[in-house]
Amino acid sequence: MGEQSIGFLDSGLGGLSVVKEVKKLLPRENIEYFADNQRQPYGEKSQSELIKFTLQIISFLLKKKIKICVIACNTATAASLKKSKRIFFYSYNWCYPACSPGCHKEDFKQKDRSYRH
C-alpha cells in the first residue's frame, strides 16, 4: 500500500484550483479528489442536506485511507465544518476548509495533524 493521500471534496471542479496550489507546495503528495457533480449546485441546498452530503463524502474518502481532508467548497464549509469536525474528531484526519489559515505546508506534515489557527 502506498503513502496516504490528501483528500479534497468539492461540489464540482472549482476546488481543483486549491489542489493545484497544494501540489505546488507538496509536489510528492498523492491526491484523492471528490467532485460532487451530481448534486451541485450546493448553494441551492439546505444546511441539513449539505451536512449530509459532506459527511457522506468524508466517510467515502476515509475509506480510501486519506490522511487529511480539505473541504474545498465554501458552501459546504460554512454549512458543515463544525459538525464534520465534531464527528470525525477521533479519526486521524482533520477537516480543513480550503480557505483556512491551517492549510499550510507545515500543517499537512504534522504528525499529530492538529488544526492550527
N, C-alpha and C. Protein backbone atom coordinates (compact mmCIF):
# COMPACT_ATOMS: atom_id res chain seq x y z
N MET A 1 0.83 -1.17 0.00
CA MET A 1 0.00 0.00 0.00
C MET A 1 0.88 1.24 0.00
N GLY A 2 0.53 2.23 -0.82
CA GLY A 2 1.31 3.44 -0.93
C GLY A 2 1.05 4.40 0.21
N GLU A 3 1.68 5.55 0.12
CA GLU A 3 1.52 6.58 1.12
C GLU A 3 0.09 7.12 1.10
N GLN A 4 -0.41 7.51 2.25
CA GLN A 4 -1.76 8.05 2.34
C GLN A 4 -1.89 9.35 1.57
N SER A 5 -3.06 9.56 1.02
CA SER A 5 -3.34 10.75 0.21
C SER A 5 -3.96 11.87 1.04
N ILE A 6 -3.95 13.05 0.46
CA ILE A 6 -4.72 14.17 0.98
C ILE A 6 -6.05 14.12 0.24
N GLY A 7 -7.14 14.13 0.98
CA GLY A 7 -8.46 14.09 0.38
C GLY A 7 -9.05 15.48 0.23
N PHE A 8 -9.66 15.73 -0.90
CA PHE A 8 -10.33 17.00 -1.18
C PHE A 8 -11.76 16.70 -1.56
N LEU A 9 -12.67 17.55 -1.08
CA LEU A 9 -14.05 17.41 -1.54
C LEU A 9 -14.55 18.78 -1.98
N ASP A 10 -15.38 18.74 -3.02
CA ASP A 10 -15.99 19.96 -3.55
C ASP A 10 -17.30 19.58 -4.21
N SER A 11 -18.12 20.59 -4.44
CA SER A 11 -19.38 20.34 -5.12
C SER A 11 -19.17 20.16 -6.62
N GLY A 12 -18.02 20.49 -7.10
CA GLY A 12 -17.71 20.38 -8.53
C GLY A 12 -16.21 20.40 -8.75
N LEU A 13 -15.79 21.16 -9.74
CA LEU A 13 -14.38 21.17 -10.11
C LEU A 13 -13.62 22.42 -9.67
N GLY A 14 -14.32 23.37 -9.04
CA GLY A 14 -13.67 24.60 -8.61
C GLY A 14 -12.54 24.38 -7.63
N GLY A 15 -12.64 23.35 -6.82
CA GLY A 15 -11.60 23.04 -5.84
C GLY A 15 -10.30 22.58 -6.45
N LEU A 16 -10.30 22.30 -7.74
CA LEU A 16 -9.05 21.90 -8.39
C LEU A 16 -8.01 23.02 -8.33
N SER A 17 -8.47 24.27 -8.22
CA SER A 17 -7.51 25.37 -8.07
C SER A 17 -6.79 25.26 -6.72
N VAL A 18 -7.49 24.76 -5.70
CA VAL A 18 -6.87 24.53 -4.40
C VAL A 18 -5.87 23.38 -4.50
N VAL A 19 -6.26 22.33 -5.20
CA VAL A 19 -5.37 21.18 -5.40
C VAL A 19 -4.09 21.63 -6.12
N LYS A 20 -4.24 22.47 -7.11
CA LYS A 20 -3.09 22.98 -7.87
C LYS A 20 -2.10 23.67 -6.94
N GLU A 21 -2.61 24.50 -6.03
CA GLU A 21 -1.73 25.21 -5.10
C GLU A 21 -1.07 24.25 -4.11
N VAL A 22 -1.83 23.27 -3.63
CA VAL A 22 -1.26 22.29 -2.71
C VAL A 22 -0.16 21.49 -3.41
N LYS A 23 -0.38 21.14 -4.67
CA LYS A 23 0.63 20.39 -5.42
C LYS A 23 1.90 21.21 -5.63
N LYS A 24 1.78 22.52 -5.73
CA LYS A 24 2.97 23.37 -5.81
C LYS A 24 3.77 23.30 -4.52
N LEU A 25 3.06 23.33 -3.39
CA LEU A 25 3.72 23.29 -2.09
C LEU A 25 4.20 21.89 -1.72
N LEU A 26 3.44 20.89 -2.13
CA LEU A 26 3.70 19.49 -1.74
C LEU A 26 3.66 18.59 -2.97
N PRO A 27 4.64 18.72 -3.84
CA PRO A 27 4.57 18.01 -5.13
C PRO A 27 4.56 16.49 -5.04
N ARG A 28 5.01 15.94 -3.94
CA ARG A 28 5.07 14.47 -3.83
C ARG A 28 3.82 13.86 -3.19
N GLU A 29 2.90 14.70 -2.79
CA GLU A 29 1.68 14.20 -2.13
C GLU A 29 0.72 13.60 -3.15
N ASN A 30 0.09 12.51 -2.76
CA ASN A 30 -0.98 11.91 -3.55
C ASN A 30 -2.28 12.61 -3.20
N ILE A 31 -3.16 12.73 -4.17
CA ILE A 31 -4.41 13.45 -4.00
C ILE A 31 -5.59 12.53 -4.33
N GLU A 32 -6.61 12.58 -3.47
CA GLU A 32 -7.92 11.98 -3.76
C GLU A 32 -8.88 13.15 -3.84
N TYR A 33 -9.54 13.33 -4.98
CA TYR A 33 -10.44 14.46 -5.18
C TYR A 33 -11.84 13.96 -5.47
N PHE A 34 -12.81 14.42 -4.69
CA PHE A 34 -14.20 14.04 -4.90
C PHE A 34 -14.97 15.27 -5.34
N ALA A 35 -15.47 15.25 -6.57
CA ALA A 35 -16.31 16.32 -7.10
C ALA A 35 -17.75 15.82 -7.12
N ASP A 36 -18.60 16.46 -6.36
CA ASP A 36 -20.00 16.03 -6.24
C ASP A 36 -20.83 16.66 -7.36
N ASN A 37 -20.50 16.33 -8.59
CA ASN A 37 -21.16 16.91 -9.75
C ASN A 37 -22.65 16.59 -9.83
N GLN A 38 -23.05 15.45 -9.32
CA GLN A 38 -24.46 15.05 -9.42
C GLN A 38 -25.39 15.88 -8.56
N ARG A 39 -24.87 16.39 -7.43
CA ARG A 39 -25.76 17.11 -6.51
C ARG A 39 -25.51 18.62 -6.50
N GLN A 40 -24.68 19.11 -7.39
CA GLN A 40 -24.45 20.55 -7.45
C GLN A 40 -25.59 21.24 -8.18
N PRO A 41 -25.80 22.52 -8.00
CA PRO A 41 -25.02 23.44 -7.17
C PRO A 41 -25.41 23.34 -5.70
N TYR A 42 -24.43 23.46 -4.83
CA TYR A 42 -24.67 23.36 -3.40
C TYR A 42 -25.40 24.58 -2.85
N GLY A 43 -25.29 25.72 -3.48
CA GLY A 43 -25.91 26.95 -3.00
C GLY A 43 -27.42 26.88 -2.88
N GLU A 44 -28.03 25.96 -3.57
CA GLU A 44 -29.48 25.80 -3.55
C GLU A 44 -29.97 24.79 -2.51
N LYS A 45 -29.05 24.17 -1.80
CA LYS A 45 -29.39 23.11 -0.85
C LYS A 45 -29.56 23.66 0.56
N SER A 46 -30.32 22.93 1.38
CA SER A 46 -30.50 23.31 2.79
C SER A 46 -29.24 22.93 3.57
N GLN A 47 -29.11 23.51 4.76
CA GLN A 47 -27.96 23.19 5.60
C GLN A 47 -27.95 21.71 5.95
N SER A 48 -29.09 21.14 6.25
CA SER A 48 -29.13 19.71 6.62
C SER A 48 -28.71 18.83 5.44
N GLU A 49 -29.11 19.20 4.22
CA GLU A 49 -28.66 18.44 3.05
C GLU A 49 -27.14 18.55 2.88
N LEU A 50 -26.62 19.76 3.06
CA LEU A 50 -25.18 19.98 2.89
C LEU A 50 -24.37 19.22 3.93
N ILE A 51 -24.87 19.18 5.16
CA ILE A 51 -24.19 18.40 6.20
C ILE A 51 -24.20 16.93 5.80
N LYS A 52 -25.34 16.43 5.38
CA LYS A 52 -25.45 15.02 4.96
C LYS A 52 -24.48 14.71 3.82
N PHE A 53 -24.45 15.56 2.80
CA PHE A 53 -23.55 15.33 1.66
C PHE A 53 -22.09 15.32 2.10
N THR A 54 -21.73 16.32 2.90
CA THR A 54 -20.33 16.44 3.34
C THR A 54 -19.91 15.24 4.16
N LEU A 55 -20.76 14.81 5.09
CA LEU A 55 -20.42 13.65 5.91
C LEU A 55 -20.31 12.38 5.07
N GLN A 56 -21.16 12.23 4.08
CA GLN A 56 -21.08 11.07 3.18
C GLN A 56 -19.75 11.07 2.42
N ILE A 57 -19.37 12.23 1.92
CA ILE A 57 -18.14 12.30 1.12
C ILE A 57 -16.91 12.08 2.00
N ILE A 58 -16.90 12.68 3.18
CA ILE A 58 -15.76 12.46 4.08
C ILE A 58 -15.66 10.98 4.43
N SER A 59 -16.78 10.33 4.71
CA SER A 59 -16.77 8.89 5.01
C SER A 59 -16.20 8.10 3.84
N PHE A 60 -16.60 8.46 2.63
CA PHE A 60 -16.08 7.81 1.43
C PHE A 60 -14.56 8.00 1.32
N LEU A 61 -14.10 9.22 1.54
CA LEU A 61 -12.66 9.49 1.45
C LEU A 61 -11.89 8.76 2.55
N LEU A 62 -12.46 8.66 3.74
CA LEU A 62 -11.79 7.93 4.81
C LEU A 62 -11.60 6.46 4.47
N LYS A 63 -12.55 5.90 3.74
CA LYS A 63 -12.40 4.50 3.30
C LYS A 63 -11.23 4.35 2.34
N LYS A 64 -10.84 5.44 1.70
CA LYS A 64 -9.68 5.43 0.82
C LYS A 64 -8.40 5.70 1.59
N LYS A 65 -8.50 5.76 2.91
CA LYS A 65 -7.36 5.90 3.81
C LYS A 65 -6.62 7.23 3.65
N ILE A 66 -7.39 8.32 3.47
CA ILE A 66 -6.74 9.63 3.39
C ILE A 66 -6.14 9.97 4.75
N LYS A 67 -5.14 10.84 4.74
CA LYS A 67 -4.53 11.26 6.00
C LYS A 67 -5.08 12.60 6.48
N ILE A 68 -5.70 13.32 5.60
CA ILE A 68 -6.27 14.62 5.94
C ILE A 68 -7.35 14.94 4.91
N CYS A 69 -8.33 15.73 5.32
CA CYS A 69 -9.41 16.09 4.40
C CYS A 69 -9.49 17.60 4.29
N VAL A 70 -9.55 18.09 3.05
CA VAL A 70 -9.72 19.51 2.78
C VAL A 70 -11.08 19.71 2.14
N ILE A 71 -11.90 20.53 2.78
CA ILE A 71 -13.21 20.86 2.21
C ILE A 71 -12.98 22.07 1.30
N ALA A 72 -12.93 21.82 0.01
CA ALA A 72 -12.58 22.85 -0.97
C ALA A 72 -13.82 23.54 -1.53
N CYS A 73 -14.86 23.60 -0.74
CA CYS A 73 -16.12 24.20 -1.14
C CYS A 73 -16.57 25.13 -0.02
N ASN A 74 -16.65 26.42 -0.31
CA ASN A 74 -17.04 27.38 0.72
C ASN A 74 -18.44 27.11 1.26
N THR A 75 -19.36 26.71 0.40
CA THR A 75 -20.73 26.45 0.84
C THR A 75 -20.76 25.26 1.80
N ALA A 76 -20.07 24.18 1.45
CA ALA A 76 -20.01 23.01 2.32
C ALA A 76 -19.29 23.33 3.63
N THR A 77 -18.25 24.14 3.56
CA THR A 77 -17.52 24.54 4.76
C THR A 77 -18.43 25.30 5.71
N ALA A 78 -19.12 26.31 5.18
CA ALA A 78 -19.99 27.14 6.02
C ALA A 78 -21.10 26.31 6.66
N ALA A 79 -21.63 25.36 5.93
CA ALA A 79 -22.76 24.57 6.42
C ALA A 79 -22.35 23.43 7.35
N SER A 80 -21.18 22.85 7.14
CA SER A 80 -20.93 21.57 7.80
C SER A 80 -19.58 21.39 8.49
N LEU A 81 -18.71 22.37 8.46
CA LEU A 81 -17.38 22.17 9.05
C LEU A 81 -17.46 21.84 10.54
N LYS A 82 -18.25 22.57 11.27
CA LYS A 82 -18.34 22.35 12.72
C LYS A 82 -18.81 20.93 13.02
N LYS A 83 -19.84 20.49 12.36
CA LYS A 83 -20.37 19.13 12.59
C LYS A 83 -19.38 18.07 12.10
N SER A 84 -18.75 18.32 10.96
CA SER A 84 -17.77 17.37 10.42
C SER A 84 -16.62 17.17 11.39
N LYS A 85 -16.12 18.26 11.95
CA LYS A 85 -15.01 18.15 12.89
C LYS A 85 -15.43 17.44 14.16
N ARG A 86 -16.66 17.67 14.59
CA ARG A 86 -17.17 17.01 15.80
C ARG A 86 -17.29 15.50 15.57
N ILE A 87 -17.79 15.10 14.43
CA ILE A 87 -18.00 13.68 14.14
C ILE A 87 -16.69 12.95 13.87
N PHE A 88 -15.79 13.58 13.13
CA PHE A 88 -14.56 12.91 12.73
C PHE A 88 -13.36 13.25 13.61
N PHE A 89 -13.60 13.86 14.76
CA PHE A 89 -12.53 14.27 15.66
C PHE A 89 -11.61 13.12 16.03
N TYR A 90 -12.16 11.95 16.29
CA TYR A 90 -11.36 10.84 16.78
C TYR A 90 -10.72 10.00 15.68
N SER A 91 -11.04 10.31 14.44
CA SER A 91 -10.27 9.65 13.39
C SER A 91 -8.96 10.39 13.31
N TYR A 92 -8.01 9.90 12.59
CA TYR A 92 -6.71 10.57 12.50
C TYR A 92 -6.68 11.55 11.35
N ASN A 93 -7.81 12.07 11.01
CA ASN A 93 -7.93 13.01 9.90
C ASN A 93 -8.65 14.25 10.39
N TRP A 94 -8.20 15.38 9.95
CA TRP A 94 -8.88 16.63 10.26
C TRP A 94 -9.53 17.15 9.02
N CYS A 95 -10.57 17.89 9.18
CA CYS A 95 -11.24 18.55 8.07
C CYS A 95 -10.79 20.00 8.06
N TYR A 96 -10.20 20.41 7.01
CA TYR A 96 -9.76 21.79 6.86
C TYR A 96 -10.60 22.47 5.78
N PRO A 97 -11.09 23.66 6.05
CA PRO A 97 -11.67 24.41 4.94
C PRO A 97 -10.53 24.87 4.05
N ALA A 98 -10.76 24.92 2.77
CA ALA A 98 -9.69 25.28 1.83
C ALA A 98 -9.15 26.68 2.07
N CYS A 99 -9.97 27.57 2.60
CA CYS A 99 -9.53 28.93 2.84
C CYS A 99 -8.91 29.10 4.22
N SER A 100 -8.73 28.02 4.94
CA SER A 100 -8.25 28.07 6.30
C SER A 100 -6.79 28.48 6.40
N PRO A 101 -6.46 29.23 7.45
CA PRO A 101 -5.04 29.51 7.68
C PRO A 101 -4.30 28.23 8.06
N GLY A 102 -5.04 27.15 8.36
CA GLY A 102 -4.42 25.87 8.68
C GLY A 102 -3.92 25.12 7.46
N CYS A 103 -4.23 25.60 6.27
CA CYS A 103 -3.81 24.91 5.05
C CYS A 103 -2.44 25.40 4.60
N HIS A 104 -1.46 25.02 5.35
CA HIS A 104 -0.09 25.39 5.03
C HIS A 104 0.75 24.12 5.01
N LYS A 105 1.84 24.19 4.31
CA LYS A 105 2.71 23.04 4.14
C LYS A 105 3.06 22.39 5.49
N GLU A 106 3.39 23.19 6.49
CA GLU A 106 3.79 22.64 7.78
C GLU A 106 2.65 21.86 8.42
N ASP A 107 1.42 22.32 8.24
CA ASP A 107 0.29 21.66 8.86
C ASP A 107 0.01 20.29 8.26
N PHE A 108 0.21 20.15 6.96
CA PHE A 108 -0.01 18.85 6.32
C PHE A 108 1.04 17.84 6.76
N LYS A 109 2.20 18.32 7.19
CA LYS A 109 3.27 17.41 7.56
C LYS A 109 3.30 17.08 9.05
N GLN A 110 2.45 17.71 9.83
CA GLN A 110 2.43 17.44 11.26
C GLN A 110 2.04 16.00 11.53
N LYS A 111 2.72 15.40 12.47
CA LYS A 111 2.38 14.02 12.81
C LYS A 111 1.06 13.92 13.54
N ASP A 112 0.75 14.89 14.40
CA ASP A 112 -0.49 14.79 15.16
C ASP A 112 -1.67 15.41 14.41
N ARG A 113 -1.42 16.04 13.28
CA ARG A 113 -2.44 16.62 12.42
C ARG A 113 -3.38 17.57 13.18
N SER A 114 -2.86 18.24 14.19
CA SER A 114 -3.72 19.16 14.92
C SER A 114 -3.97 20.40 14.08
N TYR A 115 -5.10 21.00 14.30
CA TYR A 115 -5.56 22.12 13.50
C TYR A 115 -5.03 23.41 14.10
N ARG A 116 -4.28 24.14 13.35
CA ARG A 116 -3.74 25.42 13.81
C ARG A 116 -4.60 26.56 13.31
N HIS A 117 -4.72 27.58 14.13
CA HIS A 117 -5.36 28.83 13.72
C HIS A 117 -4.32 29.92 13.71
